[in-house]
C-alpha atoms as a PDB file:
ATOM      1  CA  MET A   1       0.000   0.000   0.000  1.00  0.00           C
ATOM      2  CA  GLU A   2       1.369   3.417  -0.812  1.00  0.00           C
ATOM      3  CA  LEU A   3       2.740   5.564   1.958  1.00  0.00           C
ATOM      4  CA  SER A   4       0.691   8.707   1.250  1.00  0.00           C
ATOM      5  CA  LYS A   5      -2.547   6.738   1.512  1.00  0.00           C
ATOM      6  CA  ILE A   6      -1.484   5.331   4.903  1.00  0.00           C
ATOM      7  CA  GLU A   7      -0.549   8.796   6.160  1.00  0.00           C
ATOM      8  CA  LYS A   8      -3.950  10.167   5.075  1.00  0.00           C
ATOM      9  CA  LEU A   9      -5.687   7.254   6.806  1.00  0.00           C
ATOM     10  CA  LEU A  10      -3.689   7.972   9.974  1.00  0.00           C
ATOM     11  CA  GLU A  11      -4.793  11.599   9.891  1.00  0.00           C
ATOM     12  CA  LYS A  12      -8.411  10.502   9.462  1.00  0.00           C
ATOM     13  CA  TYR A  13      -7.961   7.937  12.236  1.00  0.00           C
ATOM     14  CA  PHE A  14      -6.770  10.534  14.743  1.00  0.00           C
ATOM     15  CA  GLU A  15      -9.635  12.823  13.738  1.00  0.00           C
ATOM     16  CA  ALA A  16     -12.054   9.901  14.416  1.00  0.00           C
ATOM     17  CA  GLU A  17     -13.323   9.937  10.834  1.00  0.00           C
ATOM     18  CA  THR A  18     -12.289   6.474   9.608  1.00  0.00           C
ATOM     19  CA  SER A  19     -14.608   3.617   8.823  1.00  0.00           C
ATOM     20  CA  LEU A  20     -14.153   0.123  10.225  1.00  0.00           C
ATOM     21  CA  ALA A  21     -12.777  -1.059   6.883  1.00  0.00           C
ATOM     22  CA  GLU A  22     -10.168   1.731   6.879  1.00  0.00           C
ATOM     23  CA  GLU A  23      -9.163   0.878  10.442  1.00  0.00           C
ATOM     24  CA  ALA A  24      -8.762  -2.760   9.400  1.00  0.00           C
ATOM     25  CA  LEU A  25      -6.425  -1.592   6.603  1.00  0.00           C
ATOM     26  CA  LEU A  26      -4.342   0.342   9.127  1.00  0.00           C
ATOM     27  CA  LYS A  27      -4.149  -2.663  11.464  1.00  0.00           C
ATOM     28  CA  GLU A  28      -3.114  -4.883   8.594  1.00  0.00           C
ATOM     29  CA  TYR A  29      -0.477  -2.389   7.429  1.00  0.00           C
ATOM     30  CA  PHE A  30       1.059  -1.966  10.868  1.00  0.00           C
ATOM     31  CA  SER A  31       1.195  -5.725  11.454  1.00  0.00           C
ATOM     32  CA  GLN A  32       3.906  -5.941   8.736  1.00  0.00           C
ATOM     33  CA  GLU A  33       7.615  -5.883   9.526  1.00  0.00           C
ATOM     34  CA  ASP A  34       8.585  -3.425   6.798  1.00  0.00           C
ATOM     35  CA  ILE A  35       7.360   0.002   8.017  1.00  0.00           C
ATOM     36  CA  PRO A  36       8.985   3.389   7.351  1.00  0.00           C
ATOM     37  CA  PRO A  37      10.878   4.714  10.393  1.00  0.00           C
ATOM     38  CA  HIS A  38       8.641   7.766  10.939  1.00  0.00           C
ATOM     39  CA  LEU A  39       5.556   5.469  11.279  1.00  0.00           C
ATOM     40  CA  VAL A  40       7.151   2.932  13.660  1.00  0.00           C
ATOM     41  CA  PRO A  41       5.722   4.615  16.807  1.00  0.00           C
ATOM     42  CA  TYR A  42       2.198   3.923  15.509  1.00  0.00           C
ATOM     43  CA  ARG A  43       2.938   0.197  15.134  1.00  0.00           C
ATOM     44  CA  ASP A  44       2.752  -0.397  18.897  1.00  0.00           C
ATOM     45  CA  LEU A  45      -0.632   1.291  19.011  1.00  0.00           C
ATOM     46  CA  PHE A  46      -2.220  -0.894  16.334  1.00  0.00           C
ATOM     47  CA  VAL A  47      -0.498  -4.079  17.571  1.00  0.00           C
ATOM     48  CA  TYR A  48      -1.910  -3.354  21.009  1.00  0.00           C
ATOM     49  CA  PHE A  49      -5.408  -2.927  19.552  1.00  0.00           C
ATOM     50  CA  ASN A  50      -5.079  -6.261  17.727  1.00  0.00           C
ATOM     51  CA  GLN A  51      -3.973  -8.054  20.880  1.00  0.00           C
ATOM     52  CA  SER A  52      -6.504  -6.408  23.175  1.00  0.00           C
ATOM     53  CA  SER A  53      -9.383  -7.283  20.863  1.00  0.00           C
ATOM     54  CA  THR A  54      -8.737 -10.974  21.470  1.00  0.00           C
ATOM     55  CA  GLU A  55      -8.515 -10.676  25.264  1.00  0.00           C
ATOM     56  CA  VAL A  56     -11.235 -12.260  27.338  1.00  0.00           C
ATOM     57  CA  ALA A  57     -12.021 -11.438  30.958  1.00  0.00           C
ATOM     58  CA  GLU A  58     -11.613 -14.492  33.140  1.00  0.00           C
ATOM     59  CA  LYS A  59     -12.921 -13.065  36.362  1.00  0.00           C
ATOM     60  CA  GLU A  60     -16.626 -13.591  36.880  1.00  0.00           C
ATOM     61  CA  ILE A  61     -18.572 -10.473  37.660  1.00  0.00           C
ATOM     62  CA  VAL A  62     -21.112 -11.062  40.391  1.00  0.00           C
ATOM     63  CA  LEU A  63     -23.910  -8.552  40.540  1.00  0.00           C
ATOM     64  CA  PRO A  64     -25.514  -8.025  43.930  1.00  0.00           C
ATOM     65  CA  GLN A  65     -28.940  -9.568  44.349  1.00  0.00           C
ATOM     66  CA  ARG A  66     -31.742  -7.110  44.738  1.00  0.00           C
ATOM     67  CA  ASN A  67     -33.404  -7.098  48.071  1.00  0.00           C
ATOM     68  CA  HIS A  68     -37.006  -8.173  47.520  1.00  0.00           C
ATOM     69  CA  LEU A  69     -37.977  -6.853  50.936  1.00  0.00           C
ATOM     70  CA  LEU A  70     -36.850  -3.389  49.884  1.00  0.00           C
ATOM     71  CA  GLN A  71     -38.948  -3.610  46.707  1.00  0.00           C
ATOM     72  CA  TRP A  72     -42.053  -4.599  48.669  1.00  0.00           C
ATOM     73  CA  LEU A  73     -41.426  -1.835  51.189  1.00  0.00           C
ATOM     74  CA  SER A  74     -41.300   0.727  48.389  1.00  0.00           C
ATOM     75  CA  VAL A  75     -44.581  -0.629  46.980  1.00  0.00           C
ATOM     76  CA  ALA A  76     -46.169  -0.453  50.431  1.00  0.00           C
ATOM     77  CA  ALA A  77     -44.912   3.112  50.913  1.00  0.00           C
ATOM     78  CA  ALA A  78     -46.415   4.129  47.570  1.00  0.00           C
ATOM     79  CA  LEU A  79     -49.759   2.566  48.524  1.00  0.00           C
ATOM     80  CA  ILE A  80     -49.773   4.316  51.905  1.00  0.00           C
ATOM     81  CA  LEU A  81     -49.040   7.610  50.187  1.00  0.00           C
ATOM     82  CA  MET A  82     -51.892   7.106  47.712  1.00  0.00           C
ATOM     83  CA  VAL A  83     -54.360   6.149  50.462  1.00  0.00           C
ATOM     84  CA  SER A  84     -53.393   9.149  52.593  1.00  0.00           C
ATOM     85  CA  VAL A  85     -53.774  11.555  49.662  1.00  0.00           C
ATOM     86  CA  TYR A  86     -57.185  10.041  48.878  1.00  0.00           C
ATOM     87  CA  SER A  87     -58.343  10.315  52.502  1.00  0.00           C
ATOM     88  CA  VAL A  88     -57.281  13.971  52.693  1.00  0.00           C
ATOM     89  CA  TYR A  89     -59.163  14.601  49.457  1.00  0.00           C
ATOM     90  CA  GLN A  90     -62.294  12.917  50.871  1.00  0.00           C
ATOM     91  CA  LYS A  91     -61.996  14.915  54.098  1.00  0.00           C
ATOM     92  CA  ASN A  92     -61.826  18.153  52.100  1.00  0.00           C
ATOM     93  CA  GLN A  93     -64.906  17.117  50.119  1.00  0.00           C
ATOM     94  CA  ARG A  94     -66.830  16.382  53.347  1.00  0.00           C
ATOM     95  CA  GLU A  95     -65.796  19.730  54.809  1.00  0.00           C
ATOM     96  CA  LYS A  96     -66.963  21.534  51.658  1.00  0.00           C
ATOM     97  CA  GLN A  97     -70.314  19.706  51.801  1.00  0.00           C
ATOM     98  CA  GLU A  98     -70.743  20.597  55.490  1.00  0.00           C
ATOM     99  CA  ALA A  99     -69.891  24.235  54.722  1.00  0.00           C
ATOM    100  CA  ARG A 100     -72.541  24.279  51.948  1.00  0.00           C
ATOM    101  CA  LEU A 101     -75.155  22.856  54.317  1.00  0.00           C
ATOM    102  CA  ALA A 102     -74.233  25.395  57.005  1.00  0.00           C
ATOM    103  CA  TYR A 103     -74.537  28.210  54.456  1.00  0.00           C
ATOM    104  CA  ILE A 104     -77.984  26.997  53.370  1.00  0.00           C
ATOM    105  CA  GLU A 105     -79.208  26.740  56.988  1.00  0.00           C
ATOM    106  CA  THR A 106     -77.826  30.179  57.820  1.00  0.00           C
ATOM    107  CA  THR A 107     -79.562  31.805  54.837  1.00  0.00           C
ATOM    108  CA  ARG A 108     -82.854  30.122  55.813  1.00  0.00           C
ATOM    109  CA  ALA A 109     -82.559  31.413  59.384  1.00  0.00           C
ATOM    110  CA  LEU A 110     -81.694  34.933  58.206  1.00  0.00           C
ATOM    111  CA  ASN A 111     -84.646  34.917  55.757  1.00  0.00           C
ATOM    112  CA  MET A 112     -86.985  33.874  58.576  1.00  0.00           C
ATOM    113  CA  ILE A 113     -85.661  36.679  60.807  1.00  0.00           C
ATOM    114  CA  SER A 114     -86.051  39.132  57.933  1.00  0.00           C
ATOM    115  CA  GLN A 115     -89.678  38.090  57.368  1.00  0.00           C
ATOM    116  CA  ASN A 116     -90.498  38.499  61.060  1.00  0.00           C
ATOM    117  CA  LEU A 117     -88.834  41.909  61.181  1.00  0.00           C
ATOM    118  CA  ASN A 118     -90.844  42.982  58.129  1.00  0.00           C
ATOM    119  CA  LYS A 119     -94.071  41.901  59.917  1.00  0.00           C
ATOM    120  CA  GLY A 120     -92.980  43.955  62.896  1.00  0.00           C
ATOM    121  CA  ASN A 121     -92.348  46.986  60.685  1.00  0.00           C
ATOM    122  CA  ARG A 122     -95.841  46.691  59.174  1.00  0.00           C
ATOM    123  CA  ALA A 123     -97.322  46.529  62.681  1.00  0.00           C
ATOM    124  CA  ILE A 124     -95.344  49.626  63.678  1.00  0.00           C
ATOM    125  CA  VAL A 125     -96.685  51.481  60.638  1.00  0.00           C
ATOM    126  CA  LYS A 126    -100.232  50.565  61.728  1.00  0.00           C
ATOM    127  CA  LEU A 127     -99.428  51.741  65.264  1.00  0.00           C
ATOM    128  CA  GLU A 128     -98.141  55.049  63.926  1.00  0.00           C
ATOM    129  CA  THR A 129    -101.381  55.509  61.983  1.00  0.00           C
ATOM    130  CA  PHE A 130    -103.383  54.697  65.126  1.00  0.00           C
ATOM    131  CA  ASP A 131    -101.205  57.043  67.178  1.00  0.00           C
ATOM    132  CA  GLN A 132    -101.692  59.892  64.693  1.00  0.00           C
ATOM    133  CA  THR A 133    -105.446  59.376  64.658  1.00  0.00           C
ATOM    134  CA  ALA A 134    -105.568  59.224  68.452  1.00  0.00           C
ATOM    135  CA  ASN A 135    -103.557  62.451  68.694  1.00  0.00           C
ATOM    136  CA  LYS A 136    -105.979  64.207  66.320  1.00  0.00           C
ATOM    137  CA  ILE A 137    -108.933  63.077  68.334  1.00  0.00           C
ATOM    138  CA  PHE A 138    -107.445  64.130  71.665  1.00  0.00           C
ATOM    139  CA  LYS A 139    -106.319  67.489  70.303  1.00  0.00           C
ATOM    140  CA  ASN A 140    -109.795  68.229  69.050  1.00  0.00           C
ATOM    141  CA  ASN A 141    -111.363  67.381  72.399  1.00  0.00           C
ATOM    142  CA  LYS A 142    -109.249  69.765  74.324  1.00  0.00           C
END
């Protein structure tokens, strides 16, 4: 492979613009023994990548088991939260209903008082008429 093409591929490689096929060409090129001296430092890099791609981890990774008790506790906490929110909502609805009933009873009582006061006012008007007539009669007799 010609040297200028390899140098261009190296530039693309370090700019992270190469395709997998171009990277395979670079790995293949640097696996050869005959490399120009100014490109020798890159050989170790590509040889390392070739070797590391075949490595396999031998140590088994053990993931911790999830605590089922903790999961059930979180579910129970969510249920308790939902029930408490619902009960507060119901309590507010009951309080609103009681306030409406109290308002209705209060307006009925005030209407009844108003009607009785109006009857009293009509009686007072009649008394004033009687009082005026009585005053006329007594003034004329004197």
